[in-house]
Amino acid sequence: MTIVVDYGHGADEGAALVELAREGFSAAAKDYEPGRTEPHQHDHDICIHILLGEFKLADVASGADHRCGPGTRVFVACGTPHFEEHGIIRLVVGRRHQPELRP
């Protein structure tokens, strides 16, 4: 279970879409209204690029809070418990499903 935050990545929407596609993510730019989620996890990897606004990501396991503004890239590995809180934001959101493990 992993969360990786890169604060100096850049906030270019086109570059983020190309980068995520190259890394195997299905990605799209999206606008979000203010909100907060309950703790949860995904059955796929998530990678986001913050383009506009502030995004707070909380790592449930470690208790770490990451405050992310424009130019931040956040990777949340499949199965990592987390929650987020934000005002009005624009993100590039990528989802990548993990191949099934077989014995």
N, C-alpha and C. Protein backbone atom coordinates (compact mmCIF):
# COMPACT_ATOMS: atom_id res chain seq x y z
N MET A 1 0.84 -1.17 0.00
CA MET A 1 0.00 0.00 0.00
C MET A 1 0.89 1.23 0.00
N THR A 2 0.66 2.08 -1.00
CA THR A 2 1.58 3.18 -1.23
C THR A 2 0.87 4.44 -1.66
N ILE A 3 1.33 5.57 -1.14
CA ILE A 3 0.97 6.89 -1.65
C ILE A 3 2.27 7.62 -1.91
N VAL A 4 2.40 8.17 -3.13
CA VAL A 4 3.59 8.94 -3.51
C VAL A 4 3.12 10.31 -3.97
N VAL A 5 3.70 11.36 -3.37
CA VAL A 5 3.33 12.73 -3.72
C VAL A 5 4.56 13.44 -4.27
N ASP A 6 4.43 14.02 -5.47
CA ASP A 6 5.50 14.78 -6.11
C ASP A 6 5.00 16.22 -6.26
N TYR A 7 5.53 17.11 -5.41
CA TYR A 7 5.04 18.50 -5.37
C TYR A 7 5.55 19.36 -6.51
N GLY A 8 6.57 18.97 -7.22
CA GLY A 8 7.15 19.83 -8.25
C GLY A 8 6.96 19.30 -9.65
N HIS A 9 5.83 18.69 -9.91
CA HIS A 9 5.68 17.98 -11.18
C HIS A 9 5.24 18.86 -12.35
N GLY A 10 4.46 19.89 -12.13
CA GLY A 10 3.95 20.74 -13.21
C GLY A 10 2.45 20.58 -13.36
N ALA A 11 1.81 21.61 -13.92
CA ALA A 11 0.35 21.65 -14.00
C ALA A 11 -0.14 21.80 -15.43
N ASP A 12 0.51 21.14 -16.38
CA ASP A 12 0.09 21.21 -17.78
C ASP A 12 -0.84 20.05 -18.10
N GLU A 13 -2.08 20.35 -18.43
CA GLU A 13 -3.10 19.31 -18.66
C GLU A 13 -2.71 18.35 -19.79
N GLY A 14 -2.27 18.88 -20.91
CA GLY A 14 -1.91 18.03 -22.05
C GLY A 14 -0.75 17.11 -21.72
N ALA A 15 0.27 17.66 -21.07
CA ALA A 15 1.43 16.84 -20.70
C ALA A 15 1.03 15.75 -19.72
N ALA A 16 0.14 16.06 -18.77
CA ALA A 16 -0.31 15.07 -17.80
C ALA A 16 -1.06 13.93 -18.49
N LEU A 17 -1.93 14.26 -19.44
CA LEU A 17 -2.68 13.22 -20.16
C LEU A 17 -1.75 12.30 -20.94
N VAL A 18 -0.76 12.87 -21.60
CA VAL A 18 0.21 12.08 -22.37
C VAL A 18 1.03 11.19 -21.44
N GLU A 19 1.51 11.77 -20.34
CA GLU A 19 2.33 11.01 -19.40
C GLU A 19 1.56 9.81 -18.82
N LEU A 20 0.32 10.04 -18.39
CA LEU A 20 -0.46 8.95 -17.80
C LEU A 20 -0.78 7.87 -18.83
N ALA A 21 -1.10 8.26 -20.04
CA ALA A 21 -1.36 7.27 -21.09
C ALA A 21 -0.12 6.41 -21.33
N ARG A 22 1.04 7.04 -21.35
CA ARG A 22 2.30 6.32 -21.55
C ARG A 22 2.55 5.32 -20.42
N GLU A 23 2.04 5.62 -19.21
CA GLU A 23 2.22 4.74 -18.06
C GLU A 23 1.09 3.72 -17.90
N GLY A 24 0.19 3.65 -18.89
CA GLY A 24 -0.85 2.64 -18.86
C GLY A 24 -2.14 3.03 -18.15
N PHE A 25 -2.30 4.32 -17.84
CA PHE A 25 -3.52 4.80 -17.18
C PHE A 25 -4.54 5.23 -18.22
N SER A 26 -5.82 5.01 -17.94
CA SER A 26 -6.92 5.65 -18.67
C SER A 26 -7.14 6.97 -17.94
N ALA A 27 -7.02 8.09 -18.64
CA ALA A 27 -7.03 9.39 -17.95
C ALA A 27 -7.95 10.38 -18.64
N ALA A 28 -8.45 11.31 -17.83
CA ALA A 28 -9.29 12.40 -18.32
C ALA A 28 -9.16 13.59 -17.38
N ALA A 29 -9.34 14.78 -17.90
CA ALA A 29 -9.38 15.99 -17.08
C ALA A 29 -10.80 16.17 -16.58
N LYS A 30 -10.94 16.54 -15.29
CA LYS A 30 -12.26 16.69 -14.69
C LYS A 30 -12.27 17.85 -13.71
N ASP A 31 -13.42 18.53 -13.64
CA ASP A 31 -13.66 19.56 -12.63
C ASP A 31 -14.50 18.95 -11.52
N TYR A 32 -14.21 19.32 -10.29
CA TYR A 32 -14.95 18.81 -9.13
C TYR A 32 -15.42 19.97 -8.27
N GLU A 33 -16.62 19.85 -7.75
CA GLU A 33 -17.15 20.77 -6.75
C GLU A 33 -16.52 20.41 -5.40
N PRO A 34 -16.60 21.32 -4.42
CA PRO A 34 -16.05 21.00 -3.10
C PRO A 34 -16.63 19.71 -2.55
N GLY A 35 -15.78 18.95 -1.85
CA GLY A 35 -16.27 17.70 -1.29
C GLY A 35 -15.25 17.03 -0.39
N ARG A 36 -15.74 15.99 0.27
CA ARG A 36 -14.90 15.18 1.15
C ARG A 36 -15.42 13.75 1.05
N THR A 37 -14.52 12.78 0.94
CA THR A 37 -14.92 11.38 0.89
C THR A 37 -14.71 10.74 2.25
N GLU A 38 -15.35 9.63 2.46
CA GLU A 38 -15.09 8.78 3.63
C GLU A 38 -13.86 7.94 3.30
N PRO A 39 -13.19 7.39 4.32
CA PRO A 39 -12.06 6.50 4.03
C PRO A 39 -12.50 5.36 3.10
N HIS A 40 -11.68 5.09 2.10
CA HIS A 40 -11.98 4.06 1.11
C HIS A 40 -10.69 3.61 0.45
N GLN A 41 -10.81 2.61 -0.40
CA GLN A 41 -9.69 2.14 -1.22
C GLN A 41 -10.25 1.74 -2.58
N HIS A 42 -9.36 1.62 -3.55
CA HIS A 42 -9.77 1.29 -4.92
C HIS A 42 -9.21 -0.07 -5.32
N ASP A 43 -9.86 -0.70 -6.29
CA ASP A 43 -9.36 -1.96 -6.84
C ASP A 43 -8.47 -1.70 -8.06
N HIS A 44 -7.95 -0.48 -8.15
CA HIS A 44 -7.06 -0.09 -9.25
C HIS A 44 -6.13 1.02 -8.74
N ASP A 45 -5.03 1.24 -9.44
CA ASP A 45 -4.14 2.35 -9.13
C ASP A 45 -4.80 3.65 -9.58
N ILE A 46 -4.53 4.72 -8.85
CA ILE A 46 -5.01 6.06 -9.20
C ILE A 46 -3.79 6.97 -9.29
N CYS A 47 -3.76 7.81 -10.28
CA CYS A 47 -2.73 8.85 -10.36
C CYS A 47 -3.43 10.13 -10.79
N ILE A 48 -3.22 11.20 -10.02
CA ILE A 48 -3.84 12.48 -10.36
C ILE A 48 -2.79 13.56 -10.48
N HIS A 49 -3.09 14.53 -11.31
CA HIS A 49 -2.31 15.75 -11.43
C HIS A 49 -3.25 16.89 -11.05
N ILE A 50 -2.88 17.69 -10.06
CA ILE A 50 -3.71 18.82 -9.66
C ILE A 50 -3.39 19.99 -10.59
N LEU A 51 -4.41 20.48 -11.28
CA LEU A 51 -4.25 21.59 -12.21
C LEU A 51 -4.68 22.92 -11.60
N LEU A 52 -5.71 22.88 -10.76
CA LEU A 52 -6.27 24.09 -10.18
C LEU A 52 -6.89 23.77 -8.84
N GLY A 53 -6.64 24.58 -7.83
CA GLY A 53 -7.24 24.40 -6.53
C GLY A 53 -6.35 23.64 -5.57
N GLU A 54 -6.90 23.36 -4.38
CA GLU A 54 -6.15 22.63 -3.36
C GLU A 54 -6.84 21.31 -3.07
N PHE A 55 -6.04 20.27 -2.93
CA PHE A 55 -6.50 18.90 -2.74
C PHE A 55 -5.78 18.35 -1.52
N LYS A 56 -6.52 17.88 -0.53
CA LYS A 56 -5.92 17.26 0.66
C LYS A 56 -6.17 15.77 0.59
N LEU A 57 -5.10 14.99 0.71
CA LEU A 57 -5.18 13.54 0.69
C LEU A 57 -4.68 13.02 2.03
N ALA A 58 -5.47 12.18 2.68
CA ALA A 58 -5.07 11.60 3.96
C ALA A 58 -4.80 10.12 3.78
N ASP A 59 -3.63 9.68 4.27
CA ASP A 59 -3.24 8.28 4.26
C ASP A 59 -3.74 7.66 5.56
N VAL A 60 -4.73 6.80 5.48
CA VAL A 60 -5.36 6.21 6.67
C VAL A 60 -4.36 5.40 7.49
N ALA A 61 -3.51 4.63 6.83
CA ALA A 61 -2.57 3.75 7.54
C ALA A 61 -1.54 4.52 8.35
N SER A 62 -0.96 5.56 7.77
CA SER A 62 0.12 6.29 8.45
C SER A 62 -0.38 7.53 9.19
N GLY A 63 -1.57 8.00 8.84
CA GLY A 63 -2.09 9.23 9.43
C GLY A 63 -1.55 10.48 8.78
N ALA A 64 -0.73 10.34 7.74
CA ALA A 64 -0.14 11.50 7.06
C ALA A 64 -1.19 12.23 6.23
N ASP A 65 -1.13 13.56 6.29
CA ASP A 65 -1.98 14.41 5.44
C ASP A 65 -1.09 15.08 4.41
N HIS A 66 -1.50 15.04 3.16
CA HIS A 66 -0.77 15.68 2.07
C HIS A 66 -1.64 16.80 1.51
N ARG A 67 -1.16 18.03 1.59
CA ARG A 67 -1.86 19.18 1.00
C ARG A 67 -1.20 19.45 -0.34
N CYS A 68 -2.01 19.38 -1.38
CA CYS A 68 -1.49 19.41 -2.73
C CYS A 68 -2.13 20.55 -3.52
N GLY A 69 -1.31 21.35 -4.16
CA GLY A 69 -1.80 22.43 -5.02
C GLY A 69 -1.44 22.16 -6.46
N PRO A 70 -1.68 23.14 -7.33
CA PRO A 70 -1.35 22.97 -8.74
C PRO A 70 0.12 22.57 -8.94
N GLY A 71 0.32 21.63 -9.83
CA GLY A 71 1.66 21.14 -10.10
C GLY A 71 2.03 19.90 -9.31
N THR A 72 1.11 19.40 -8.48
CA THR A 72 1.37 18.21 -7.69
C THR A 72 0.84 16.97 -8.40
N ARG A 73 1.62 15.91 -8.38
CA ARG A 73 1.20 14.59 -8.88
C ARG A 73 1.08 13.67 -7.68
N VAL A 74 -0.04 12.93 -7.62
CA VAL A 74 -0.29 12.01 -6.51
C VAL A 74 -0.59 10.63 -7.07
N PHE A 75 0.14 9.63 -6.57
CA PHE A 75 -0.11 8.24 -6.94
C PHE A 75 -0.62 7.50 -5.71
N VAL A 76 -1.74 6.79 -5.86
CA VAL A 76 -2.31 5.98 -4.79
C VAL A 76 -2.43 4.55 -5.34
N ALA A 77 -1.65 3.64 -4.76
CA ALA A 77 -1.63 2.25 -5.23
C ALA A 77 -2.94 1.55 -4.89
N CYS A 78 -3.29 0.61 -5.72
CA CYS A 78 -4.45 -0.25 -5.52
C CYS A 78 -4.48 -0.77 -4.09
N GLY A 79 -5.64 -0.66 -3.42
CA GLY A 79 -5.81 -1.20 -2.08
C GLY A 79 -5.33 -0.32 -0.94
N THR A 80 -4.87 0.90 -1.23
CA THR A 80 -4.37 1.80 -0.19
C THR A 80 -5.51 2.60 0.43
N PRO A 81 -5.80 2.43 1.72
CA PRO A 81 -6.88 3.19 2.36
C PRO A 81 -6.52 4.68 2.45
N HIS A 82 -7.46 5.53 2.03
CA HIS A 82 -7.23 6.97 2.01
C HIS A 82 -8.58 7.70 1.98
N PHE A 83 -8.53 9.01 2.15
CA PHE A 83 -9.69 9.85 1.87
C PHE A 83 -9.19 11.20 1.42
N GLU A 84 -10.06 11.94 0.76
CA GLU A 84 -9.66 13.25 0.24
C GLU A 84 -10.70 14.31 0.58
N GLU A 85 -10.21 15.54 0.56
CA GLU A 85 -11.04 16.70 0.83
C GLU A 85 -10.54 17.82 -0.08
N HIS A 86 -11.46 18.61 -0.64
CA HIS A 86 -11.03 19.65 -1.57
C HIS A 86 -12.11 20.71 -1.76
N GLY A 87 -11.66 21.87 -2.23
CA GLY A 87 -12.57 22.91 -2.70
C GLY A 87 -12.83 22.67 -4.18
N ILE A 88 -13.16 23.71 -4.92
CA ILE A 88 -13.32 23.59 -6.37
C ILE A 88 -11.94 23.28 -6.95
N ILE A 89 -11.86 22.19 -7.71
CA ILE A 89 -10.57 21.78 -8.28
C ILE A 89 -10.74 21.28 -9.72
N ARG A 90 -9.63 21.31 -10.43
CA ARG A 90 -9.54 20.66 -11.75
C ARG A 90 -8.36 19.71 -11.67
N LEU A 91 -8.61 18.45 -12.05
CA LEU A 91 -7.60 17.39 -11.99
C LEU A 91 -7.51 16.65 -13.30
N VAL A 92 -6.36 16.06 -13.57
CA VAL A 92 -6.28 14.98 -14.53
C VAL A 92 -6.24 13.72 -13.68
N VAL A 93 -7.21 12.84 -13.89
CA VAL A 93 -7.34 11.62 -13.09
C VAL A 93 -7.07 10.41 -13.98
N GLY A 94 -6.14 9.57 -13.55
CA GLY A 94 -5.83 8.35 -14.28
C GLY A 94 -6.14 7.12 -13.44
N ARG A 95 -6.68 6.10 -14.09
CA ARG A 95 -6.97 4.82 -13.43
C ARG A 95 -6.27 3.72 -14.21
N ARG A 96 -5.63 2.81 -13.46
CA ARG A 96 -4.92 1.70 -14.09
C ARG A 96 -5.24 0.44 -13.31
N HIS A 97 -5.88 -0.52 -13.98
CA HIS A 97 -6.21 -1.79 -13.32
C HIS A 97 -4.99 -2.69 -13.32
N GLN A 98 -4.82 -3.39 -12.22
CA GLN A 98 -3.71 -4.32 -12.08
C GLN A 98 -4.11 -5.66 -12.72
N PRO A 99 -3.16 -6.30 -13.38
CA PRO A 99 -3.47 -7.63 -13.92
C PRO A 99 -3.74 -8.59 -12.77
N GLU A 100 -4.64 -9.52 -13.00
CA GLU A 100 -4.95 -10.50 -11.96
C GLU A 100 -3.73 -11.38 -11.69
N LEU A 101 -3.50 -11.63 -10.43
CA LEU A 101 -2.39 -12.51 -10.05
C LEU A 101 -2.85 -13.95 -10.14
N ARG A 102 -2.04 -14.78 -10.75
CA ARG A 102 -2.40 -16.21 -10.90
C ARG A 102 -1.29 -17.05 -10.32
N PRO A 103 -1.67 -18.12 -9.61
CA PRO A 103 -0.64 -19.00 -9.02
C PRO A 103 0.18 -19.72 -10.07
